[in-house]
Amino acid sequence: MRDFRRLQVWQRAHQLTLAVYRMTESFPKHELYGLTSQLRRSAMSIPTNMAEGCGRESIVELARFLQIAMGSAKELEYQLLLAHDLGYVQPDVYCSLNDETRQVQRMLHAYLGQLRGKNKE
């Protein structure tokens, strides 16, 4: 079992989730059960799946949860674009969150690559 809090990628994903929550506080009320909820769920799903994967016994299971986290990061990337295009997010905030989302994706990809290398040993 691994301590997810020690993973740099988890720390970045957690900070990203906090930023998404703060950003969506100003969204229109009619989006509460729509885009606001979806953005928060996809952002939260990234570190949540990493944490769950770290609680599993095998590298294969951890890798599966990291792949789910990657899917959530891709969802978040699109939902941020949608929020921007709808005018709910300022361009500078969008750019910052989008960049951070893509950085988390790169870190997840790298971690998955490391796990695949260990699994072959």
PDB file of N, CA and C in Angstrom:
ATOM      1  N   MET A   1       0.839  -1.171   0.000  1.00  0.00           N
ATOM      2  CA  MET A   1       0.000   0.000   0.000  1.00  0.00           C
ATOM      3  C   MET A   1       0.894   1.248   0.000  1.00  0.00           C
ATOM      4  N   ARG A   2       0.511   2.233  -0.787  1.00  0.00           N
ATOM      5  CA  ARG A   2       1.287   3.462  -0.932  1.00  0.00           C
ATOM      6  C   ARG A   2       0.561   4.641  -0.277  1.00  0.00           C
ATOM      7  N   ASP A   3       1.331   5.618   0.163  1.00  0.00           N
ATOM      8  CA  ASP A   3       0.746   6.834   0.722  1.00  0.00           C
ATOM      9  C   ASP A   3       0.548   7.830  -0.417  1.00  0.00           C
ATOM     10  N   PHE A   4      -0.684   8.013  -0.846  1.00  0.00           N
ATOM     11  CA  PHE A   4      -0.982   8.877  -1.985  1.00  0.00           C
ATOM     12  C   PHE A   4      -0.561  10.317  -1.731  1.00  0.00           C
ATOM     13  N   ARG A   5      -0.559  10.742  -0.469  1.00  0.00           N
ATOM     14  CA  ARG A   5      -0.217  12.135  -0.149  1.00  0.00           C
ATOM     15  C   ARG A   5       1.229  12.474  -0.516  1.00  0.00           C
ATOM     16  N   ARG A   6       2.062  11.480  -0.624  1.00  0.00           N
ATOM     17  CA  ARG A   6       3.477  11.699  -0.961  1.00  0.00           C
ATOM     18  C   ARG A   6       3.711  11.850  -2.464  1.00  0.00           C
ATOM     19  N   LEU A   7       2.723  11.480  -3.259  1.00  0.00           N
ATOM     20  CA  LEU A   7       2.877  11.566  -4.717  1.00  0.00           C
ATOM     21  C   LEU A   7       2.739  13.014  -5.183  1.00  0.00           C
ATOM     22  N   GLN A   8       3.736  13.489  -5.893  1.00  0.00           N
ATOM     23  CA  GLN A   8       3.692  14.849  -6.407  1.00  0.00           C
ATOM     24  C   GLN A   8       2.494  15.052  -7.331  1.00  0.00           C
ATOM     25  N   VAL A   9       2.176  14.061  -8.133  1.00  0.00           N
ATOM     26  CA  VAL A   9       1.040  14.173  -9.052  1.00  0.00           C
ATOM     27  C   VAL A   9      -0.263  14.278  -8.271  1.00  0.00           C
ATOM     28  N   TRP A  10      -0.381  13.551  -7.167  1.00  0.00           N
ATOM     29  CA  TRP A  10      -1.585  13.671  -6.348  1.00  0.00           C
ATOM     30  C   TRP A  10      -1.678  15.077  -5.748  1.00  0.00           C
ATOM     31  N   GLN A  11      -0.567  15.595  -5.255  1.00  0.00           N
ATOM     32  CA  GLN A  11      -0.555  16.935  -4.667  1.00  0.00           C
ATOM     33  C   GLN A  11      -0.999  17.989  -5.683  1.00  0.00           C
ATOM     34  N   ARG A  12      -0.496  17.867  -6.920  1.00  0.00           N
ATOM     35  CA  ARG A  12      -0.882  18.817  -7.972  1.00  0.00           C
ATOM     36  C   ARG A  12      -2.361  18.668  -8.303  1.00  0.00           C
ATOM     37  N   ALA A  13      -2.843  17.430  -8.391  1.00  0.00           N
ATOM     38  CA  ALA A  13      -4.252  17.192  -8.709  1.00  0.00           C
ATOM     39  C   ALA A  13      -5.161  17.712  -7.588  1.00  0.00           C
ATOM     40  N   HIS A  14      -4.721  17.582  -6.357  1.00  0.00           N
ATOM     41  CA  HIS A  14      -5.501  18.098  -5.228  1.00  0.00           C
ATOM     42  C   HIS A  14      -5.595  19.622  -5.310  1.00  0.00           C
ATOM     43  N   GLN A  15      -4.492  20.284  -5.593  1.00  0.00           N
ATOM     44  CA  GLN A  15      -4.501  21.746  -5.726  1.00  0.00           C
ATOM     45  C   GLN A  15      -5.380  22.174  -6.908  1.00  0.00           C
ATOM     46  N   LEU A  16      -5.331  21.412  -7.989  1.00  0.00           N
ATOM     47  CA  LEU A  16      -6.181  21.695  -9.144  1.00  0.00           C
ATOM     48  C   LEU A  16      -7.651  21.587  -8.761  1.00  0.00           C
ATOM     49  N   THR A  17      -8.002  20.576  -7.997  1.00  0.00           N
ATOM     50  CA  THR A  17      -9.382  20.392  -7.546  1.00  0.00           C
ATOM     51  C   THR A  17      -9.840  21.575  -6.705  1.00  0.00           C
ATOM     52  N   LEU A  18      -8.990  22.012  -5.798  1.00  0.00           N
ATOM     53  CA  LEU A  18      -9.329  23.177  -4.977  1.00  0.00           C
ATOM     54  C   LEU A  18      -9.557  24.411  -5.855  1.00  0.00           C
ATOM     55  N   ALA A  19      -8.719  24.590  -6.863  1.00  0.00           N
ATOM     56  CA  ALA A  19      -8.853  25.740  -7.765  1.00  0.00           C
ATOM     57  C   ALA A  19     -10.147  25.667  -8.564  1.00  0.00           C
ATOM     58  N   VAL A  20     -10.523  24.474  -8.999  1.00  0.00           N
ATOM     59  CA  VAL A  20     -11.774  24.306  -9.746  1.00  0.00           C
ATOM     60  C   VAL A  20     -12.960  24.623  -8.843  1.00  0.00           C
ATOM     61  N   TYR A  21     -12.930  24.158  -7.613  1.00  0.00           N
ATOM     62  CA  TYR A  21     -14.013  24.484  -6.680  1.00  0.00           C
ATOM     63  C   TYR A  21     -14.139  25.991  -6.500  1.00  0.00           C
ATOM     64  N   ARG A  22     -13.005  26.669  -6.320  1.00  0.00           N
ATOM     65  CA  ARG A  22     -13.040  28.126  -6.143  1.00  0.00           C
ATOM     66  C   ARG A  22     -13.572  28.813  -7.402  1.00  0.00           C
ATOM     67  N   MET A  23     -13.126  28.359  -8.570  1.00  0.00           N
ATOM     68  CA  MET A  23     -13.548  28.966  -9.826  1.00  0.00           C
ATOM     69  C   MET A  23     -15.056  28.841 -10.018  1.00  0.00           C
ATOM     70  N   THR A  24     -15.609  27.687  -9.692  1.00  0.00           N
ATOM     71  CA  THR A  24     -17.029  27.445  -9.965  1.00  0.00           C
ATOM     72  C   THR A  24     -17.964  28.124  -8.968  1.00  0.00           C
ATOM     73  N   GLU A  25     -17.424  28.687  -7.895  1.00  0.00           N
ATOM     74  CA  GLU A  25     -18.268  29.397  -6.930  1.00  0.00           C
ATOM     75  C   GLU A  25     -19.017  30.563  -7.578  1.00  0.00           C
ATOM     76  N   SER A  26     -18.439  31.142  -8.620  1.00  0.00           N
ATOM     77  CA  SER A  26     -19.063  32.301  -9.267  1.00  0.00           C
ATOM     78  C   SER A  26     -19.903  31.932 -10.491  1.00  0.00           C
ATOM     79  N   PHE A  27     -20.055  30.652 -10.772  1.00  0.00           N
ATOM     80  CA  PHE A  27     -20.853  30.245 -11.932  1.00  0.00           C
ATOM     81  C   PHE A  27     -22.323  30.586 -11.705  1.00  0.00           C
ATOM     82  N   PRO A  28     -23.067  30.734 -12.785  1.00  0.00           N
ATOM     83  CA  PRO A  28     -24.508  31.008 -12.640  1.00  0.00           C
ATOM     84  C   PRO A  28     -25.211  29.886 -11.862  1.00  0.00           C
ATOM     85  N   LYS A  29     -26.199  30.273 -11.100  1.00  0.00           N
ATOM     86  CA  LYS A  29     -26.935  29.303 -10.276  1.00  0.00           C
ATOM     87  C   LYS A  29     -27.610  28.220 -11.126  1.00  0.00           C
ATOM     88  N   HIS A  30     -28.020  28.578 -12.349  1.00  0.00           N
ATOM     89  CA  HIS A  30     -28.683  27.565 -13.182  1.00  0.00           C
ATOM     90  C   HIS A  30     -27.717  26.467 -13.635  1.00  0.00           C
ATOM     91  N   GLU A  31     -26.414  26.656 -13.419  1.00  0.00           N
ATOM     92  CA  GLU A  31     -25.419  25.631 -13.768  1.00  0.00           C
ATOM     93  C   GLU A  31     -25.039  24.746 -12.580  1.00  0.00           C
ATOM     94  N   LEU A  32     -25.655  24.984 -11.419  1.00  0.00           N
ATOM     95  CA  LEU A  32     -25.281  24.255 -10.208  1.00  0.00           C
ATOM     96  C   LEU A  32     -25.314  22.739 -10.417  1.00  0.00           C
ATOM     97  N   TYR A  33     -26.373  22.239 -11.054  1.00  0.00           N
ATOM     98  CA  TYR A  33     -26.507  20.795 -11.254  1.00  0.00           C
ATOM     99  C   TYR A  33     -26.035  20.363 -12.639  1.00  0.00           C
ATOM    100  N   GLY A  34     -25.482  21.291 -13.383  1.00  0.00           N
ATOM    101  CA  GLY A  34     -24.961  20.997 -14.716  1.00  0.00           C
ATOM    102  C   GLY A  34     -23.451  21.100 -14.731  1.00  0.00           C
ATOM    103  N   LEU A  35     -22.960  22.144 -15.369  1.00  0.00           N
ATOM    104  CA  LEU A  35     -21.522  22.280 -15.580  1.00  0.00           C
ATOM    105  C   LEU A  35     -20.745  22.427 -14.278  1.00  0.00           C
ATOM    106  N   THR A  36     -21.288  23.146 -13.303  1.00  0.00           N
ATOM    107  CA  THR A  36     -20.589  23.290 -12.019  1.00  0.00           C
ATOM    108  C   THR A  36     -20.341  21.915 -11.407  1.00  0.00           C
ATOM    109  N   SER A  37     -21.387  21.120 -11.343  1.00  0.00           N
ATOM    110  CA  SER A  37     -21.283  19.782 -10.768  1.00  0.00           C
ATOM    111  C   SER A  37     -20.316  18.911 -11.561  1.00  0.00           C
ATOM    112  N   GLN A  38     -20.396  18.965 -12.881  1.00  0.00           N
ATOM    113  CA  GLN A  38     -19.529  18.131 -13.720  1.00  0.00           C
ATOM    114  C   GLN A  38     -18.061  18.517 -13.574  1.00  0.00           C
ATOM    115  N   LEU A  39     -17.778  19.806 -13.557  1.00  0.00           N
ATOM    116  CA  LEU A  39     -16.394  20.259 -13.381  1.00  0.00           C
ATOM    117  C   LEU A  39     -15.842  19.777 -12.042  1.00  0.00           C
ATOM    118  N   ARG A  40     -16.625  19.931 -11.005  1.00  0.00           N
ATOM    119  CA  ARG A  40     -16.169  19.523  -9.680  1.00  0.00           C
ATOM    120  C   ARG A  40     -15.974  18.014  -9.602  1.00  0.00           C
ATOM    121  N   ARG A  41     -16.887  17.273 -10.186  1.00  0.00           N
ATOM    122  CA  ARG A  41     -16.778  15.807 -10.151  1.00  0.00           C
ATOM    123  C   ARG A  41     -15.557  15.308 -10.916  1.00  0.00           C
ATOM    124  N   SER A  42     -15.333  15.849 -12.106  1.00  0.00           N
ATOM    125  CA  SER A  42     -14.186  15.377 -12.879  1.00  0.00           C
ATOM    126  C   SER A  42     -12.883  15.785 -12.216  1.00  0.00           C
ATOM    127  N   ALA A  43     -12.815  17.002 -11.667  1.00  0.00           N
ATOM    128  CA  ALA A  43     -11.597  17.428 -10.970  1.00  0.00           C
ATOM    129  C   ALA A  43     -11.345  16.552  -9.743  1.00  0.00           C
ATOM    130  N   MET A  44     -12.385  16.333  -8.940  1.00  0.00           N
ATOM    131  CA  MET A  44     -12.247  15.542  -7.727  1.00  0.00           C
ATOM    132  C   MET A  44     -11.916  14.084  -8.034  1.00  0.00           C
ATOM    133  N   SER A  45     -12.375  13.599  -9.157  1.00  0.00           N
ATOM    134  CA  SER A  45     -12.145  12.212  -9.528  1.00  0.00           C
ATOM    135  C   SER A  45     -10.666  11.902  -9.777  1.00  0.00           C
ATOM    136  N   ILE A  46      -9.909  12.905 -10.166  1.00  0.00           N
ATOM    137  CA  ILE A  46      -8.486  12.673 -10.464  1.00  0.00           C
ATOM    138  C   ILE A  46      -7.736  12.250  -9.193  1.00  0.00           C
ATOM    139  N   PRO A  47      -7.678  13.087  -8.150  1.00  0.00           N
ATOM    140  CA  PRO A  47      -6.950  12.647  -6.949  1.00  0.00           C
ATOM    141  C   PRO A  47      -7.657  11.515  -6.197  1.00  0.00           C
ATOM    142  N   THR A  48      -8.984  11.442  -6.326  1.00  0.00           N
ATOM    143  CA  THR A  48      -9.717  10.366  -5.659  1.00  0.00           C
ATOM    144  C   THR A  48      -9.309   9.007  -6.208  1.00  0.00           C
ATOM    145  N   ASN A  49      -9.227   8.894  -7.527  1.00  0.00           N
ATOM    146  CA  ASN A  49      -8.828   7.615  -8.121  1.00  0.00           C
ATOM    147  C   ASN A  49      -7.375   7.277  -7.837  1.00  0.00           C
ATOM    148  N   MET A  50      -6.525   8.296  -7.765  1.00  0.00           N
ATOM    149  CA  MET A  50      -5.132   8.031  -7.376  1.00  0.00           C
ATOM    150  C   MET A  50      -5.082   7.479  -5.955  1.00  0.00           C
ATOM    151  N   ALA A  51      -5.848   8.083  -5.051  1.00  0.00           N
ATOM    152  CA  ALA A  51      -5.874   7.620  -3.666  1.00  0.00           C
ATOM    153  C   ALA A  51      -6.390   6.186  -3.584  1.00  0.00           C
ATOM    154  N   GLU A  52      -7.451   5.897  -4.310  1.00  0.00           N
ATOM    155  CA  GLU A  52      -7.989   4.532  -4.284  1.00  0.00           C
ATOM    156  C   GLU A  52      -6.996   3.540  -4.850  1.00  0.00           C
ATOM    157  N   GLY A  53      -6.349   3.902  -5.945  1.00  0.00           N
ATOM    158  CA  GLY A  53      -5.351   3.012  -6.538  1.00  0.00           C
ATOM    159  C   GLY A  53      -4.193   2.730  -5.596  1.00  0.00           C
ATOM    160  N   CYS A  54      -3.793   3.735  -4.825  1.00  0.00           N
ATOM    161  CA  CYS A  54      -2.698   3.546  -3.866  1.00  0.00           C
ATOM    162  C   CYS A  54      -3.086   2.592  -2.742  1.00  0.00           C
ATOM    163  N   GLY A  55      -4.375   2.411  -2.531  1.00  0.00           N
ATOM    164  CA  GLY A  55      -4.844   1.479  -1.511  1.00  0.00           C
ATOM    165  C   GLY A  55      -4.922   0.046  -2.002  1.00  0.00           C
ATOM    166  N   ARG A  56      -4.670  -0.153  -3.258  1.00  0.00           N
ATOM    167  CA  ARG A  56      -4.715  -1.503  -3.825  1.00  0.00           C
ATOM    168  C   ARG A  56      -3.367  -2.186  -3.663  1.00  0.00           C
ATOM    169  N   GLU A  57      -3.383  -3.496  -3.741  1.00  0.00           N
ATOM    170  CA  GLU A  57      -2.173  -4.275  -3.470  1.00  0.00           C
ATOM    171  C   GLU A  57      -1.236  -4.418  -4.670  1.00  0.00           C
ATOM    172  N   SER A  58      -1.782  -4.391  -5.877  1.00  0.00           N
ATOM    173  CA  SER A  58      -0.930  -4.682  -7.030  1.00  0.00           C
ATOM    174  C   SER A  58      -0.694  -3.447  -7.893  1.00  0.00           C
ATOM    175  N   ILE A  59       0.412  -3.486  -8.608  1.00  0.00           N
ATOM    176  CA  ILE A  59       0.744  -2.422  -9.551  1.00  0.00           C
ATOM    177  C   ILE A  59      -0.287  -2.363 -10.666  1.00  0.00           C
ATOM    178  N   VAL A  60      -0.800  -3.512 -11.072  1.00  0.00           N
ATOM    179  CA  VAL A  60      -1.801  -3.563 -12.136  1.00  0.00           C
ATOM    180  C   VAL A  60      -3.055  -2.804 -11.716  1.00  0.00           C
ATOM    181  N   GLU A  61      -3.481  -3.009 -10.480  1.00  0.00           N
ATOM    182  CA  GLU A  61      -4.668  -2.301  -9.993  1.00  0.00           C
ATOM    183  C   GLU A  61      -4.404  -0.805  -9.859  1.00  0.00           C
ATOM    184  N   LEU A  62      -3.232  -0.442  -9.352  1.00  0.00           N
ATOM    185  CA  LEU A  62      -2.875   0.968  -9.250  1.00  0.00           C
ATOM    186  C   LEU A  62      -2.905   1.609 -10.630  1.00  0.00           C
ATOM    187  N   ALA A  63      -2.319   0.937 -11.612  1.00  0.00           N
ATOM    188  CA  ALA A  63      -2.291   1.469 -12.978  1.00  0.00           C
ATOM    189  C   ALA A  63      -3.702   1.654 -13.526  1.00  0.00           C
ATOM    190  N   ARG A  64      -4.596   0.740 -13.216  1.00  0.00           N
ATOM    191  CA  ARG A  64      -5.984   0.859 -13.688  1.00  0.00           C
ATOM    192  C   ARG A  64      -6.638   2.124 -13.127  1.00  0.00           C
ATOM    193  N   PHE A  65      -6.430   2.397 -11.850  1.00  0.00           N
ATOM    194  CA  PHE A  65      -7.015   3.602 -11.255  1.00  0.00           C
ATOM    195  C   PHE A  65      -6.347   4.876 -11.769  1.00  0.00           C
ATOM    196  N   LEU A  66      -5.067   4.801 -12.091  1.00  0.00           N
ATOM    197  CA  LEU A  66      -4.400   5.956 -12.683  1.00  0.00           C
ATOM    198  C   LEU A  66      -4.946   6.230 -14.083  1.00  0.00           C
ATOM    199  N   GLN A  67      -5.301   5.179 -14.813  1.00  0.00           N
ATOM    200  CA  GLN A  67      -5.914   5.368 -16.133  1.00  0.00           C
ATOM    201  C   GLN A  67      -7.291   6.010 -16.006  1.00  0.00           C
ATOM    202  N   ILE A  68      -8.027   5.628 -14.981  1.00  0.00           N
ATOM    203  CA  ILE A  68      -9.328   6.265 -14.740  1.00  0.00           C
ATOM    204  C   ILE A  68      -9.115   7.740 -14.400  1.00  0.00           C
ATOM    205  N   ALA A  69      -8.104   8.028 -13.588  1.00  0.00           N
ATOM    206  CA  ALA A  69      -7.774   9.420 -13.250  1.00  0.00           C
ATOM    207  C   ALA A  69      -7.422  10.200 -14.516  1.00  0.00           C
ATOM    208  N   MET A  70      -6.698   9.565 -15.434  1.00  0.00           N
ATOM    209  CA  MET A  70      -6.348  10.227 -16.695  1.00  0.00           C
ATOM    210  C   MET A  70      -7.609  10.537 -17.498  1.00  0.00           C
ATOM    211  N   GLY A  71      -8.550   9.629 -17.531  1.00  0.00           N
ATOM    212  CA  GLY A  71      -9.816   9.887 -18.222  1.00  0.00           C
ATOM    213  C   GLY A  71     -10.546  11.068 -17.613  1.00  0.00           C
ATOM    214  N   SER A  72     -10.530  11.156 -16.293  1.00  0.00           N
ATOM    215  CA  SER A  72     -11.170  12.293 -15.616  1.00  0.00           C
ATOM    216  C   SER A  72     -10.446  13.593 -15.939  1.00  0.00           C
ATOM    217  N   ALA A  73      -9.134  13.543 -16.058  1.00  0.00           N
ATOM    218  CA  ALA A  73      -8.363  14.738 -16.415  1.00  0.00           C
ATOM    219  C   ALA A  73      -8.707  15.203 -17.826  1.00  0.00           C
ATOM    220  N   LYS A  74      -8.941  14.270 -18.721  1.00  0.00           N
ATOM    221  CA  LYS A  74      -9.360  14.635 -20.080  1.00  0.00           C
ATOM    222  C   LYS A  74     -10.766  15.240 -20.066  1.00  0.00           C
ATOM    223  N   GLU A  75     -11.657  14.681 -19.258  1.00  0.00           N
ATOM    224  CA  GLU A  75     -12.997  15.261 -19.102  1.00  0.00           C
ATOM    225  C   GLU A  75     -12.888  16.695 -18.602  1.00  0.00           C
ATOM    226  N   LEU A  76     -12.058  16.895 -17.590  1.00  0.00           N
ATOM    227  CA  LEU A  76     -11.883  18.224 -17.017  1.00  0.00           C
ATOM    228  C   LEU A  76     -11.356  19.196 -18.065  1.00  0.00           C
ATOM    229  N   GLU A  77     -10.428  18.737 -18.887  1.00  0.00           N
ATOM    230  CA  GLU A  77      -9.874  19.601 -19.929  1.00  0.00           C
ATOM    231  C   GLU A  77     -10.982  20.116 -20.854  1.00  0.00           C
ATOM    232  N   TYR A  78     -11.868  19.222 -21.260  1.00  0.00           N
ATOM    233  CA  TYR A  78     -12.977  19.656 -22.121  1.00  0.00           C
ATOM    234  C   TYR A  78     -13.946  20.572 -21.380  1.00  0.00           C
ATOM    235  N   GLN A  79     -14.301  20.209 -20.160  1.00  0.00           N
ATOM    236  CA  GLN A  79     -15.277  21.009 -19.412  1.00  0.00           C
ATOM    237  C   GLN A  79     -14.760  22.410 -19.127  1.00  0.00           C
ATOM    238  N   LEU A  80     -13.456  22.551 -18.906  1.00  0.00           N
ATOM    239  CA  LEU A  80     -12.870  23.889 -18.750  1.00  0.00           C
ATOM    240  C   LEU A  80     -13.024  24.693 -20.040  1.00  0.00           C
ATOM    241  N   LEU A  81     -12.790  24.046 -21.168  1.00  0.00           N
ATOM    242  CA  LEU A  81     -12.951  24.709 -22.463  1.00  0.00           C
ATOM    243  C   LEU A  81     -14.400  25.158 -22.651  1.00  0.00           C
ATOM    244  N   LEU A  82     -15.337  24.293 -22.314  1.00  0.00           N
ATOM    245  CA  LEU A  82     -16.748  24.632 -22.435  1.00  0.00           C
ATOM    246  C   LEU A  82     -17.100  25.826 -21.543  1.00  0.00           C
ATOM    247  N   ALA A  83     -16.639  25.794 -20.304  1.00  0.00           N
ATOM    248  CA  ALA A  83     -16.914  26.902 -19.384  1.00  0.00           C
ATOM    249  C   ALA A  83     -16.325  28.207 -19.926  1.00  0.00           C
ATOM    250  N   HIS A  84     -15.144  28.125 -20.506  1.00  0.00           N
ATOM    251  CA  HIS A  84     -14.519  29.308 -21.109  1.00  0.00           C
ATOM    252  C   HIS A  84     -15.352  29.810 -22.284  1.00  0.00           C
ATOM    253  N   ASP A  85     -15.727  28.895 -23.164  1.00  0.00           N
ATOM    254  CA  ASP A  85     -16.485  29.287 -24.356  1.00  0.00           C
ATOM    255  C   ASP A  85     -17.875  29.830 -24.023  1.00  0.00           C
ATOM    256  N   LEU A  86     -18.427  29.423 -22.900  1.00  0.00           N
ATOM    257  CA  LEU A  86     -19.712  29.952 -22.447  1.00  0.00           C
ATOM    258  C   LEU A  86     -19.555  31.291 -21.727  1.00  0.00           C
ATOM    259  N   GLY A  87     -18.327  31.713 -21.512  1.00  0.00           N
ATOM    260  CA  GLY A  87     -18.066  32.991 -20.866  1.00  0.00           C
ATOM    261  C   GLY A  87     -18.124  32.956 -19.353  1.00  0.00           C
ATOM    262  N   TYR A  88     -18.042  31.766 -18.759  1.00  0.00           N
ATOM    263  CA  TYR A  88     -18.095  31.634 -17.307  1.00  0.00           C
ATOM    264  C   TYR A  88     -16.729  31.806 -16.649  1.00  0.00           C
ATOM    265  N   VAL A  89     -15.664  31.719 -17.467  1.00  0.00           N
ATOM    266  CA  VAL A  89     -14.302  31.753 -16.933  1.00  0.00           C
ATOM    267  C   VAL A  89     -13.499  32.803 -17.697  1.00  0.00           C
ATOM    268  N   GLN A  90     -12.784  33.615 -16.971  1.00  0.00           N
ATOM    269  CA  GLN A  90     -11.906  34.600 -17.595  1.00  0.00           C
ATOM    270  C   GLN A  90     -10.784  33.884 -18.343  1.00  0.00           C
ATOM    271  N   PRO A  91     -10.327  34.443 -19.470  1.00  0.00           N
ATOM    272  CA  PRO A  91      -9.280  33.782 -20.261  1.00  0.00           C
ATOM    273  C   PRO A  91      -8.022  33.437 -19.468  1.00  0.00           C
ATOM    274  N   ASP A  92      -7.571  34.319 -18.586  1.00  0.00           N
ATOM    275  CA  ASP A  92      -6.350  34.028 -17.824  1.00  0.00           C
ATOM    276  C   ASP A  92      -6.558  32.877 -16.844  1.00  0.00           C
ATOM    277  N   VAL A  93      -7.733  32.807 -16.233  1.00  0.00           N
ATOM    278  CA  VAL A  93      -8.055  31.709 -15.315  1.00  0.00           C
ATOM    279  C   VAL A  93      -8.144  30.407 -16.104  1.00  0.00           C
ATOM    280  N   TYR A  94      -8.814  30.456 -17.257  1.00  0.00           N
ATOM    281  CA  TYR A  94      -8.912  29.276 -18.111  1.00  0.00           C
ATOM    282  C   TYR A  94      -7.524  28.766 -18.498  1.00  0.00           C
ATOM    283  N   CYS A  95      -6.671  29.666 -18.965  1.00  0.00           N
ATOM    284  CA  CYS A  95      -5.318  29.265 -19.395  1.00  0.00           C
ATOM    285  C   CYS A  95      -4.548  28.623 -18.254  1.00  0.00           C
ATOM    286  N   SER A  96      -4.628  29.216 -17.090  1.00  0.00           N
ATOM    287  CA  SER A  96      -3.918  28.683 -15.932  1.00  0.00           C
ATOM    288  C   SER A  96      -4.413  27.291 -15.553  1.00  0.00           C
ATOM    289  N   LEU A  97      -5.739  27.127 -15.467  1.00  0.00           N
ATOM    290  CA  LEU A  97      -6.301  25.824 -15.091  1.00  0.00           C
ATOM    291  C   LEU A  97      -6.102  24.783 -16.183  1.00  0.00           C
ATOM    292  N   ASN A  98      -6.208  25.199 -17.428  1.00  0.00           N
ATOM    293  CA  ASN A  98      -5.975  24.272 -18.525  1.00  0.00           C
ATOM    294  C   ASN A  98      -4.517  23.804 -18.527  1.00  0.00           C
ATOM    295  N   ASP A  99      -3.592  24.724 -18.333  1.00  0.00           N
ATOM    296  CA  ASP A  99      -2.170  24.353 -18.262  1.00  0.00           C
ATOM    297  C   ASP A  99      -1.915  23.384 -17.121  1.00  0.00           C
ATOM    298  N   GLU A 100      -2.520  23.656 -15.975  1.00  0.00           N
ATOM    299  CA  GLU A 100      -2.328  22.776 -14.822  1.00  0.00           C
ATOM    300  C   GLU A 100      -2.947  21.398 -15.072  1.00  0.00           C
ATOM    301  N   THR A 101      -4.092  21.367 -15.712  1.00  0.00           N
ATOM    302  CA  THR A 101      -4.726  20.086 -16.052  1.00  0.00           C
ATOM    303  C   THR A 101      -3.827  19.273 -16.977  1.00  0.00           C
ATOM    304  N   ARG A 102      -3.266  19.923 -17.966  1.00  0.00           N
ATOM    305  CA  ARG A 102      -2.382  19.221 -18.904  1.00  0.00           C
ATOM    306  C   ARG A 102      -1.089  18.766 -18.223  1.00  0.00           C
ATOM    307  N   GLN A 103      -0.605  19.539 -17.253  1.00  0.00           N
ATOM    308  CA  GLN A 103       0.581  19.125 -16.494  1.00  0.00           C
ATOM    309  C   GLN A 103       0.272  17.875 -15.673  1.00  0.00           C
ATOM    310  N   VAL A 104      -0.885  17.848 -15.037  1.00  0.00           N
ATOM    311  CA  VAL A 104      -1.290  16.656 -14.284  1.00  0.00           C
ATOM    312  C   VAL A 104      -1.397  15.456 -15.231  1.00  0.00           C
ATOM    313  N   GLN A 105      -1.935  15.661 -16.424  1.00  0.00           N
ATOM    314  CA  GLN A 105      -2.013  14.572 -17.403  1.00  0.00           C
ATOM    315  C   GLN A 105      -0.623  14.043 -17.751  1.00  0.00           C
ATOM    316  N   ARG A 106       0.331  14.952 -17.967  1.00  0.00           N
ATOM    317  CA  ARG A 106       1.706  14.525 -18.284  1.00  0.00           C
ATOM    318  C   ARG A 106       2.319  13.748 -17.123  1.00  0.00           C
ATOM    319  N   MET A 107       2.071  14.207 -15.912  1.00  0.00           N
ATOM    320  CA  MET A 107       2.608  13.522 -14.734  1.00  0.00           C
ATOM    321  C   MET A 107       1.975  12.137 -14.559  1.00  0.00           C
ATOM    322  N   LEU A 108       0.679  12.039 -14.799  1.00  0.00           N
ATOM    323  CA  LEU A 108       0.013  10.731 -14.742  1.00  0.00           C
ATOM    324  C   LEU A 108       0.587   9.795 -15.795  1.00  0.00           C
ATOM    325  N   HIS A 109       0.784  10.309 -16.990  1.00  0.00           N
ATOM    326  CA  HIS A 109       1.352   9.503 -18.076  1.00  0.00           C
ATOM    327  C   HIS A 109       2.743   8.991 -17.689  1.00  0.00           C
ATOM    328  N   ALA A 110       3.556   9.858 -17.120  1.00  0.00           N
ATOM    329  CA  ALA A 110       4.904   9.460 -16.713  1.00  0.00           C
ATOM    330  C   ALA A 110       4.862   8.405 -15.608  1.00  0.00           C
ATOM    331  N   TYR A 111       3.972   8.591 -14.645  1.00  0.00           N
ATOM    332  CA  TYR A 111       3.851   7.634 -13.546  1.00  0.00           C
ATOM    333  C   TYR A 111       3.374   6.276 -14.070  1.00  0.00           C
ATOM    334  N   LEU A 112       2.427   6.304 -14.982  1.00  0.00           N
ATOM    335  CA  LEU A 112       1.974   5.052 -15.596  1.00  0.00           C
ATOM    336  C   LEU A 112       3.120   4.357 -16.316  1.00  0.00           C
ATOM    337  N   GLY A 113       3.949   5.123 -17.011  1.00  0.00           N
ATOM    338  CA  GLY A 113       5.108   4.549 -17.686  1.00  0.00           C
ATOM    339  C   GLY A 113       6.065   3.893 -16.710  1.00  0.00           C
ATOM    340  N   GLN A 114       6.292   4.522 -15.573  1.00  0.00           N
ATOM    341  CA  GLN A 114       7.157   3.938 -14.543  1.00  0.00           C
ATOM    342  C   GLN A 114       6.572   2.626 -14.020  1.00  0.00           C
ATOM    343  N   LEU A 115       5.271   2.630 -13.800  1.00  0.00           N
ATOM    344  CA  LEU A 115       4.627   1.406 -13.281  1.00  0.00           C
ATOM    345  C   LEU A 115       4.702   0.272 -14.289  1.00  0.00           C
ATOM    346  N   ARG A 116       4.509   0.610 -15.552  1.00  0.00           N
ATOM    347  CA  ARG A 116       4.581  -0.440 -16.589  1.00  0.00           C
ATOM    348  C   ARG A 116       5.984  -1.036 -16.643  1.00  0.00           C
ATOM    349  N   GLY A 117       6.995  -0.188 -16.450  1.00  0.00           N
ATOM    350  CA  GLY A 117       8.374  -0.681 -16.421  1.00  0.00           C
ATOM    351  C   GLY A 117       8.615  -1.606 -15.244  1.00  0.00           C
ATOM    352  N   LYS A 118       8.072  -1.274 -14.073  1.00  0.00           N
ATOM    353  CA  LYS A 118       8.216  -2.114 -12.887  1.00  0.00           C
ATOM    354  C   LYS A 118       7.467  -3.420 -13.039  1.00  0.00           C
ATOM    355  N   ASN A 119       6.319  -3.362 -13.722  1.00  0.00           N
ATOM    356  CA  ASN A 119       5.499  -4.556 -13.878  1.00  0.00           C
ATOM    357  C   ASN A 119       6.173  -5.578 -14.782  1.00  0.00           C
ATOM    358  N   LYS A 120       7.050  -5.137 -15.664  1.00  0.00           N
ATOM    359  CA  LYS A 120       7.760  -6.063 -16.568  1.00  0.00           C
ATOM    360  C   LYS A 120       8.924  -6.749 -15.911  1.00  0.00           C
ATOM    361  N   GLU A 121       9.387  -6.192 -14.784  1.00  0.00           N
ATOM    362  CA  GLU A 121      10.551  -6.762 -14.096  1.00  0.00           C
ATOM    363  C   GLU A 121      10.221  -8.057 -13.428  1.00  0.00           C
TER     364      GLU A 121
END
